[in-house]
């Protein structure tokens, strides 16, 4: 089931018209995270799923905050002016 979801997330921007596909870049990133994260978890690596399992949200919230800040500055044109 998750492989189908990953396929849909990664392929949706390629299969939809360009007018709507340009807003779906987040699905590509999410699709690859959904694909790679279980592999990292099963190989006993540093995994976000393991953080959830242990109840530690520090790294997950750090990634979310970093993405929010980068998205804000990137979309506001501040980084483009540098």
PDB file of N, CA and C in Angstrom:
ATOM      1  N   UNK A   1       0.818  -1.194   0.000  1.00  0.00           N
ATOM      2  CA  UNK A   1       0.000   0.000   0.000  1.00  0.00           C
ATOM      3  C   UNK A   1       0.867   1.264   0.000  1.00  0.00           C
ATOM      4  N   UNK A   2       1.898   1.278   0.844  1.00  0.00           N
ATOM      5  CA  UNK A   2       2.727   2.480   0.918  1.00  0.00           C
ATOM      6  C   UNK A   2       3.534   2.681  -0.363  1.00  0.00           C
ATOM      7  N   UNK A   3       3.885   1.592  -1.040  1.00  0.00           N
ATOM      8  CA  UNK A   3       4.624   1.720  -2.301  1.00  0.00           C
ATOM      9  C   UNK A   3       3.745   2.407  -3.345  1.00  0.00           C
ATOM     10  N   UNK A   4       2.463   2.082  -3.346  1.00  0.00           N
ATOM     11  CA  UNK A   4       1.537   2.746  -4.268  1.00  0.00           C
ATOM     12  C   UNK A   4       1.411   4.229  -3.948  1.00  0.00           C
ATOM     13  N   UNK A   5       1.358   4.559  -2.666  1.00  0.00           N
ATOM     14  CA  UNK A   5       1.272   5.950  -2.257  1.00  0.00           C
ATOM     15  C   UNK A   5       2.529   6.714  -2.659  1.00  0.00           C
ATOM     16  N   UNK A   6       3.695   6.096  -2.467  1.00  0.00           N
ATOM     17  CA  UNK A   6       4.961   6.722  -2.869  1.00  0.00           C
ATOM     18  C   UNK A   6       4.959   6.958  -4.377  1.00  0.00           C
ATOM     19  N   UNK A   7       4.526   5.982  -5.137  1.00  0.00           N
ATOM     20  CA  UNK A   7       4.481   6.113  -6.592  1.00  0.00           C
ATOM     21  C   UNK A   7       3.573   7.272  -7.005  1.00  0.00           C
ATOM     22  N   UNK A   8       2.416   7.379  -6.371  1.00  0.00           N
ATOM     23  CA  UNK A   8       1.481   8.458  -6.693  1.00  0.00           C
ATOM     24  C   UNK A   8       2.093   9.806  -6.339  1.00  0.00           C
ATOM     25  N   UNK A   9       2.718   9.901  -5.163  1.00  0.00           N
ATOM     26  CA  UNK A   9       3.316  11.166  -4.737  1.00  0.00           C
ATOM     27  C   UNK A   9       4.428  11.614  -5.680  1.00  0.00           C
ATOM     28  N   UNK A  10       5.261  10.676  -6.099  1.00  0.00           N
ATOM     29  CA  UNK A  10       6.406  11.029  -6.938  1.00  0.00           C
ATOM     30  C   UNK A  10       5.981  11.297  -8.382  1.00  0.00           C
ATOM     31  N   UNK A  11       5.002  10.566  -8.872  1.00  0.00           N
ATOM     32  CA  UNK A  11       4.620  10.683 -10.275  1.00  0.00           C
ATOM     33  C   UNK A  11       3.537  11.726 -10.545  1.00  0.00           C
ATOM     34  N   UNK A  12       2.812  12.157  -9.515  1.00  0.00           N
ATOM     35  CA  UNK A  12       1.701  13.097  -9.730  1.00  0.00           C
ATOM     36  C   UNK A  12       2.134  14.369 -10.458  1.00  0.00           C
ATOM     37  N   UNK A  13       3.246  15.001 -10.082  1.00  0.00           N
ATOM     38  CA  UNK A  13       3.630  16.219 -10.819  1.00  0.00           C
ATOM     39  C   UNK A  13       3.962  15.965 -12.288  1.00  0.00           C
ATOM     40  N   UNK A  14       4.375  14.758 -12.613  1.00  0.00           N
ATOM     41  CA  UNK A  14       4.695  14.442 -14.008  1.00  0.00           C
ATOM     42  C   UNK A  14       3.449  14.114 -14.824  1.00  0.00           C
ATOM     43  N   UNK A  15       2.425  13.598 -14.174  1.00  0.00           N
ATOM     44  CA  UNK A  15       1.237  13.131 -14.883  1.00  0.00           C
ATOM     45  C   UNK A  15       0.143  14.189 -15.004  1.00  0.00           C
ATOM     46  N   UNK A  16       0.180  15.185 -14.161  1.00  0.00           N
ATOM     47  CA  UNK A  16      -0.852  16.221 -14.181  1.00  0.00           C
ATOM     48  C   UNK A  16      -0.422  17.382 -15.073  1.00  0.00           C
ATOM     49  N   UNK A  17      -1.379  18.205 -15.478  1.00  0.00           N
ATOM     50  CA  UNK A  17      -1.028  19.376 -16.304  1.00  0.00           C
ATOM     51  C   UNK A  17      -0.071  20.309 -15.559  1.00  0.00           C
ATOM     52  N   UNK A  18       0.733  21.024 -16.308  1.00  0.00           N
ATOM     53  CA  UNK A  18       1.757  21.881 -15.709  1.00  0.00           C
ATOM     54  C   UNK A  18       1.163  22.959 -14.809  1.00  0.00           C
ATOM     55  N   UNK A  19      -0.031  23.405 -15.126  1.00  0.00           N
ATOM     56  CA  UNK A  19      -0.651  24.459 -14.327  1.00  0.00           C
ATOM     57  C   UNK A  19      -0.893  24.020 -12.884  1.00  0.00           C
ATOM     58  N   UNK A  20      -1.186  22.759 -12.673  1.00  0.00           N
ATOM     59  CA  UNK A  20      -1.392  22.274 -11.301  1.00  0.00           C
ATOM     60  C   UNK A  20      -0.165  21.541 -10.767  1.00  0.00           C
ATOM     61  N   UNK A  21       0.657  21.005 -11.641  1.00  0.00           N
ATOM     62  CA  UNK A  21       1.824  20.235 -11.202  1.00  0.00           C
ATOM     63  C   UNK A  21       2.865  21.094 -10.511  1.00  0.00           C
ATOM     64  N   UNK A  22       2.938  22.368 -10.849  1.00  0.00           N
ATOM     65  CA  UNK A  22       3.957  23.219 -10.250  1.00  0.00           C
ATOM     66  C   UNK A  22       3.728  23.449  -8.760  1.00  0.00           C
ATOM     67  N   UNK A  23       2.557  23.120  -8.263  1.00  0.00           N
ATOM     68  CA  UNK A  23       2.271  23.263  -6.838  1.00  0.00           C
ATOM     69  C   UNK A  23       2.444  21.960  -6.058  1.00  0.00           C
ATOM     70  N   UNK A  24       2.832  20.900  -6.716  1.00  0.00           N
ATOM     71  CA  UNK A  24       2.902  19.583  -6.089  1.00  0.00           C
ATOM     72  C   UNK A  24       4.312  19.120  -5.769  1.00  0.00           C
ATOM     73  N   UNK A  25       5.286  20.037  -5.730  1.00  0.00           N
ATOM     74  CA  UNK A  25       6.660  19.638  -5.453  1.00  0.00           C
ATOM     75  C   UNK A  25       6.799  19.026  -4.059  1.00  0.00           C
ATOM     76  N   UNK A  26       5.961  19.433  -3.133  1.00  0.00           N
ATOM     77  CA  UNK A  26       6.005  18.873  -1.779  1.00  0.00           C
ATOM     78  C   UNK A  26       5.680  17.387  -1.757  1.00  0.00           C
ATOM     79  N   UNK A  27       4.840  16.951  -2.689  1.00  0.00           N
ATOM     80  CA  UNK A  27       4.519  15.525  -2.761  1.00  0.00           C
ATOM     81  C   UNK A  27       5.749  14.696  -3.137  1.00  0.00           C
ATOM     82  N   UNK A  28       6.597  15.247  -3.993  1.00  0.00           N
ATOM     83  CA  UNK A  28       7.809  14.518  -4.398  1.00  0.00           C
ATOM     84  C   UNK A  28       8.719  14.320  -3.185  1.00  0.00           C
ATOM     85  N   UNK A  29       8.942  15.391  -2.410  1.00  0.00           N
ATOM     86  CA  UNK A  29       9.774  15.283  -1.208  1.00  0.00           C
ATOM     87  C   UNK A  29       9.161  14.294  -0.214  1.00  0.00           C
ATOM     88  N   UNK A  30       7.864  14.399   0.003  1.00  0.00           N
ATOM     89  CA  UNK A  30       7.186  13.495   0.938  1.00  0.00           C
ATOM     90  C   UNK A  30       7.255  12.057   0.450  1.00  0.00           C
ATOM     91  N   UNK A  31       7.119  11.862  -0.858  1.00  0.00           N
ATOM     92  CA  UNK A  31       7.183  10.517  -1.414  1.00  0.00           C
ATOM     93  C   UNK A  31       8.525   9.847  -1.166  1.00  0.00           C
ATOM     94  N   UNK A  32       9.607  10.593  -1.352  1.00  0.00           N
ATOM     95  CA  UNK A  32      10.925  10.004  -1.120  1.00  0.00           C
ATOM     96  C   UNK A  32      11.193   9.768   0.361  1.00  0.00           C
ATOM     97  N   UNK A  33      10.659  10.625   1.225  1.00  0.00           N
ATOM     98  CA  UNK A  33      10.794  10.379   2.668  1.00  0.00           C
ATOM     99  C   UNK A  33      10.039   9.101   3.042  1.00  0.00           C
ATOM    100  N   UNK A  34       8.829   8.935   2.499  1.00  0.00           N
ATOM    101  CA  UNK A  34       8.049   7.722   2.774  1.00  0.00           C
ATOM    102  C   UNK A  34       8.725   6.472   2.218  1.00  0.00           C
ATOM    103  N   UNK A  35       9.496   6.630   1.170  1.00  0.00           N
ATOM    104  CA  UNK A  35      10.200   5.495   0.579  1.00  0.00           C
ATOM    105  C   UNK A  35      11.451   5.124   1.366  1.00  0.00           C
ATOM    106  N   UNK A  36      12.224   6.112   1.779  1.00  0.00           N
ATOM    107  CA  UNK A  36      13.531   5.862   2.391  1.00  0.00           C
ATOM    108  C   UNK A  36      13.446   5.623   3.895  1.00  0.00           C
ATOM    109  N   UNK A  37      12.519   6.253   4.572  1.00  0.00           N
ATOM    110  CA  UNK A  37      12.457   6.185   6.031  1.00  0.00           C
ATOM    111  C   UNK A  37      12.271   4.761   6.575  1.00  0.00           C
ATOM    112  N   UNK A  38      11.406   3.928   6.005  1.00  0.00           N
ATOM    113  CA  UNK A  38      11.314   2.547   6.504  1.00  0.00           C
ATOM    114  C   UNK A  38      12.597   1.738   6.296  1.00  0.00           C
ATOM    115  N   UNK A  39      13.337   2.043   5.238  1.00  0.00           N
ATOM    116  CA  UNK A  39      14.604   1.351   4.996  1.00  0.00           C
ATOM    117  C   UNK A  39      15.616   1.729   6.064  1.00  0.00           C
ATOM    118  N   UNK A  40      15.682   3.007   6.390  1.00  0.00           N
ATOM    119  CA  UNK A  40      16.596   3.470   7.435  1.00  0.00           C
ATOM    120  C   UNK A  40      16.193   2.881   8.787  1.00  0.00           C
ATOM    121  N   UNK A  41      14.902   2.832   9.058  1.00  0.00           N
ATOM    122  CA  UNK A  41      14.403   2.289  10.320  1.00  0.00           C
ATOM    123  C   UNK A  41      14.767   0.811  10.466  1.00  0.00           C
ATOM    124  N   UNK A  42      14.570   0.048   9.412  1.00  0.00           N
ATOM    125  CA  UNK A  42      14.838  -1.395   9.493  1.00  0.00           C
ATOM    126  C   UNK A  42      16.326  -1.713   9.547  1.00  0.00           C
ATOM    127  N   UNK A  43      17.174  -0.783   9.089  1.00  0.00           N
ATOM    128  CA  UNK A  43      18.617  -1.020   9.159  1.00  0.00           C
ATOM    129  C   UNK A  43      19.222  -0.448  10.442  1.00  0.00           C
ATOM    130  N   UNK A  44      18.361  -0.106  11.393  1.00  0.00           N
ATOM    131  CA  UNK A  44      18.775   0.409  12.709  1.00  0.00           C
ATOM    132  C   UNK A  44      19.521   1.741  12.615  1.00  0.00           C
ATOM    133  N   UNK A  45      19.223   2.506  11.577  1.00  0.00           N
ATOM    134  CA  UNK A  45      19.862   3.809  11.418  1.00  0.00           C
ATOM    135  C   UNK A  45      19.164   4.884  12.237  1.00  0.00           C
ATOM    136  N   UNK A  46      19.619   6.115  12.067  1.00  0.00           N
ATOM    137  CA  UNK A  46      19.038   7.274  12.738  1.00  0.00           C
ATOM    138  C   UNK A  46      17.736   7.629  12.025  1.00  0.00           C
ATOM    139  N   UNK A  47      16.614   7.181  12.534  1.00  0.00           N
ATOM    140  CA  UNK A  47      15.353   7.262  11.824  1.00  0.00           C
ATOM    141  C   UNK A  47      14.356   8.166  12.534  1.00  0.00           C
ATOM    142  N   UNK A  48      13.565   8.887  11.738  1.00  0.00           N
ATOM    143  CA  UNK A  48      12.486   9.681  12.296  1.00  0.00           C
ATOM    144  C   UNK A  48      11.397   8.788  12.884  1.00  0.00           C
ATOM    145  N   UNK A  49      11.190   7.630  12.287  1.00  0.00           N
ATOM    146  CA  UNK A  49      10.225   6.674  12.835  1.00  0.00           C
ATOM    147  C   UNK A  49      10.662   6.172  14.208  1.00  0.00           C
ATOM    148  N   UNK A  50      11.951   5.975  14.379  1.00  0.00           N
ATOM    149  CA  UNK A  50      12.469   5.542  15.679  1.00  0.00           C
ATOM    150  C   UNK A  50      12.282   6.651  16.713  1.00  0.00           C
ATOM    151  N   UNK A  51      12.454   7.905  16.276  1.00  0.00           N
ATOM    152  CA  UNK A  51      12.201   9.025  17.176  1.00  0.00           C
ATOM    153  C   UNK A  51      10.746   9.035  17.632  1.00  0.00           C
ATOM    154  N   UNK A  52       9.827   8.786  16.709  1.00  0.00           N
ATOM    155  CA  UNK A  52       8.410   8.703  17.079  1.00  0.00           C
ATOM    156  C   UNK A  52       8.154   7.545  18.032  1.00  0.00           C
ATOM    157  N   UNK A  53       8.787   6.426  17.761  1.00  0.00           N
ATOM    158  CA  UNK A  53       8.627   5.249  18.603  1.00  0.00           C
ATOM    159  C   UNK A  53       9.111   5.517  20.029  1.00  0.00           C
ATOM    160  N   UNK A  54      10.207   6.265  20.157  1.00  0.00           N
ATOM    161  CA  UNK A  54      10.759   6.578  21.471  1.00  0.00           C
ATOM    162  C   UNK A  54      10.091   7.787  22.121  1.00  0.00           C
ATOM    163  N   UNK A  55       9.231   8.475  21.394  1.00  0.00           N
ATOM    164  CA  UNK A  55       8.526   9.624  21.943  1.00  0.00           C
ATOM    165  C   UNK A  55       9.325  10.914  21.933  1.00  0.00           C
ATOM    166  N   UNK A  56      10.414  10.957  21.183  1.00  0.00           N
ATOM    167  CA  UNK A  56      11.201  12.185  21.086  1.00  0.00           C
ATOM    168  C   UNK A  56      10.836  12.913  19.792  1.00  0.00           C
ATOM    169  N   UNK A  57      10.384  14.125  19.944  1.00  0.00           N
ATOM    170  CA  UNK A  57       9.945  14.895  18.784  1.00  0.00           C
ATOM    171  C   UNK A  57      10.903  16.012  18.416  1.00  0.00           C
ATOM    172  N   UNK A  58      12.039  16.107  19.091  1.00  0.00           N
ATOM    173  CA  UNK A  58      12.967  17.218  18.858  1.00  0.00           C
ATOM    174  C   UNK A  58      13.412  17.305  17.401  1.00  0.00           C
ATOM    175  N   UNK A  59      13.875  16.203  16.857  1.00  0.00           N
ATOM    176  CA  UNK A  59      14.403  16.245  15.488  1.00  0.00           C
ATOM    177  C   UNK A  59      13.289  16.463  14.468  1.00  0.00           C
ATOM    178  N   UNK A  60      12.135  15.853  14.682  1.00  0.00           N
ATOM    179  CA  UNK A  60      11.016  16.024  13.758  1.00  0.00           C
ATOM    180  C   UNK A  60      10.556  17.472  13.751  1.00  0.00           C
ATOM    181  N   UNK A  61      10.433  18.060  14.937  1.00  0.00           N
ATOM    182  CA  UNK A  61      10.026  19.464  15.013  1.00  0.00           C
ATOM    183  C   UNK A  61      11.102  20.388  14.457  1.00  0.00           C
ATOM    184  N   UNK A  62      12.367  20.018  14.600  1.00  0.00           N
ATOM    185  CA  UNK A  62      13.453  20.814  14.021  1.00  0.00           C
ATOM    186  C   UNK A  62      13.376  20.811  12.498  1.00  0.00           C
ATOM    187  N   UNK A  63      13.119  19.644  11.916  1.00  0.00           N
ATOM    188  CA  UNK A  63      12.972  19.553  10.455  1.00  0.00           C
ATOM    189  C   UNK A  63      11.768  20.363   9.981  1.00  0.00           C
ATOM    190  N   UNK A  64      10.667  20.258  10.706  1.00  0.00           N
ATOM    191  CA  UNK A  64       9.469  21.009  10.343  1.00  0.00           C
ATOM    192  C   UNK A  64       9.720  22.510  10.412  1.00  0.00           C
ATOM    193  N   UNK A  65      10.358  22.959  11.485  1.00  0.00           N
ATOM    194  CA  UNK A  65      10.641  24.383  11.652  1.00  0.00           C
ATOM    195  C   UNK A  65      11.607  24.888  10.583  1.00  0.00           C
ATOM    196  N   UNK A  66      12.639  24.104  10.292  1.00  0.00           N
ATOM    197  CA  UNK A  66      13.596  24.496   9.250  1.00  0.00           C
ATOM    198  C   UNK A  66      12.912  24.599   7.892  1.00  0.00           C
ATOM    199  N   UNK A  67      12.045  23.654   7.578  1.00  0.00           N
ATOM    200  CA  UNK A  67      11.312  23.709   6.318  1.00  0.00           C
ATOM    201  C   UNK A  67      10.385  24.908   6.243  1.00  0.00           C
ATOM    202  N   UNK A  68       9.755  25.221   7.356  1.00  0.00           N
ATOM    203  CA  UNK A  68       8.861  26.376   7.397  1.00  0.00           C
ATOM    204  C   UNK A  68       9.640  27.679   7.188  1.00  0.00           C
ATOM    205  N   UNK A  69      10.765  27.801   7.856  1.00  0.00           N
ATOM    206  CA  UNK A  69      11.582  29.020   7.732  1.00  0.00           C
ATOM    207  C   UNK A  69      12.132  29.150   6.318  1.00  0.00           C
ATOM    208  N   UNK A  70      12.667  28.064   5.770  1.00  0.00           N
ATOM    209  CA  UNK A  70      13.196  28.113   4.397  1.00  0.00           C
ATOM    210  C   UNK A  70      12.090  28.408   3.394  1.00  0.00           C
ATOM    211  N   UNK A  71      10.924  27.811   3.590  1.00  0.00           N
ATOM    212  CA  UNK A  71       9.797  28.086   2.702  1.00  0.00           C
ATOM    213  C   UNK A  71       9.343  29.525   2.780  1.00  0.00           C
ATOM    214  N   UNK A  72       9.318  30.068   3.988  1.00  0.00           N
ATOM    215  CA  UNK A  72       8.906  31.465   4.155  1.00  0.00           C
ATOM    216  C   UNK A  72       9.874  32.406   3.447  1.00  0.00           C
ATOM    217  N   UNK A  73      11.176  32.234   3.709  1.00  0.00           N
ATOM    218  CA  UNK A  73      12.156  33.124   3.088  1.00  0.00           C
ATOM    219  C   UNK A  73      12.263  32.894   1.586  1.00  0.00           C
ATOM    220  N   UNK A  74      12.158  31.662   1.162  1.00  0.00           N
ATOM    221  CA  UNK A  74      12.245  31.376  -0.267  1.00  0.00           C
ATOM    222  C   UNK A  74      11.065  31.930  -1.045  1.00  0.00           C
ATOM    223  N   UNK A  75       9.875  31.848  -0.475  1.00  0.00           N
ATOM    224  CA  UNK A  75       8.688  32.338  -1.166  1.00  0.00           C
ATOM    225  C   UNK A  75       8.510  33.846  -1.032  1.00  0.00           C
ATOM    226  N   UNK A  76       9.134  34.441  -0.049  1.00  0.00           N
ATOM    227  CA  UNK A  76       8.993  35.881   0.107  1.00  0.00           C
ATOM    228  C   UNK A  76      10.003  36.644  -0.742  1.00  0.00           C
ATOM    229  N   UNK A  77      10.953  35.959  -1.345  1.00  0.00           N
ATOM    230  CA  UNK A  77      11.924  36.613  -2.210  1.00  0.00           C
ATOM    231  C   UNK A  77      13.122  37.157  -1.486  1.00  0.00           C
ATOM    232  N   UNK A  78      13.202  36.945  -0.192  1.00  0.00           N
ATOM    233  CA  UNK A  78      14.333  37.472   0.573  1.00  0.00           C
ATOM    234  C   UNK A  78      15.625  36.775   0.147  1.00  0.00           C
ATOM    235  N   UNK A  79      15.578  35.468  -0.023  1.00  0.00           N
ATOM    236  CA  UNK A  79      16.794  34.749  -0.412  1.00  0.00           C
ATOM    237  C   UNK A  79      17.178  35.047  -1.862  1.00  0.00           C
ATOM    238  N   UNK A  80      16.217  35.370  -2.693  1.00  0.00           N
ATOM    239  CA  UNK A  80      16.514  35.701  -4.077  1.00  0.00           C
ATOM    240  C   UNK A  80      17.221  37.040  -4.231  1.00  0.00           C
ATOM    241  N   UNK A  81      17.079  37.903  -3.242  1.00  0.00           N
ATOM    242  CA  UNK A  81      17.708  39.215  -3.305  1.00  0.00           C
ATOM    243  C   UNK A  81      19.165  39.184  -2.848  1.00  0.00           C
ATOM    244  N   UNK A  82      19.573  38.094  -2.230  1.00  0.00           N
ATOM    245  CA  UNK A  82      20.953  38.012  -1.717  1.00  0.00           C
ATOM    246  C   UNK A  82      21.908  37.628  -2.817  1.00  0.00           C
TER     247      UNK A  82
END
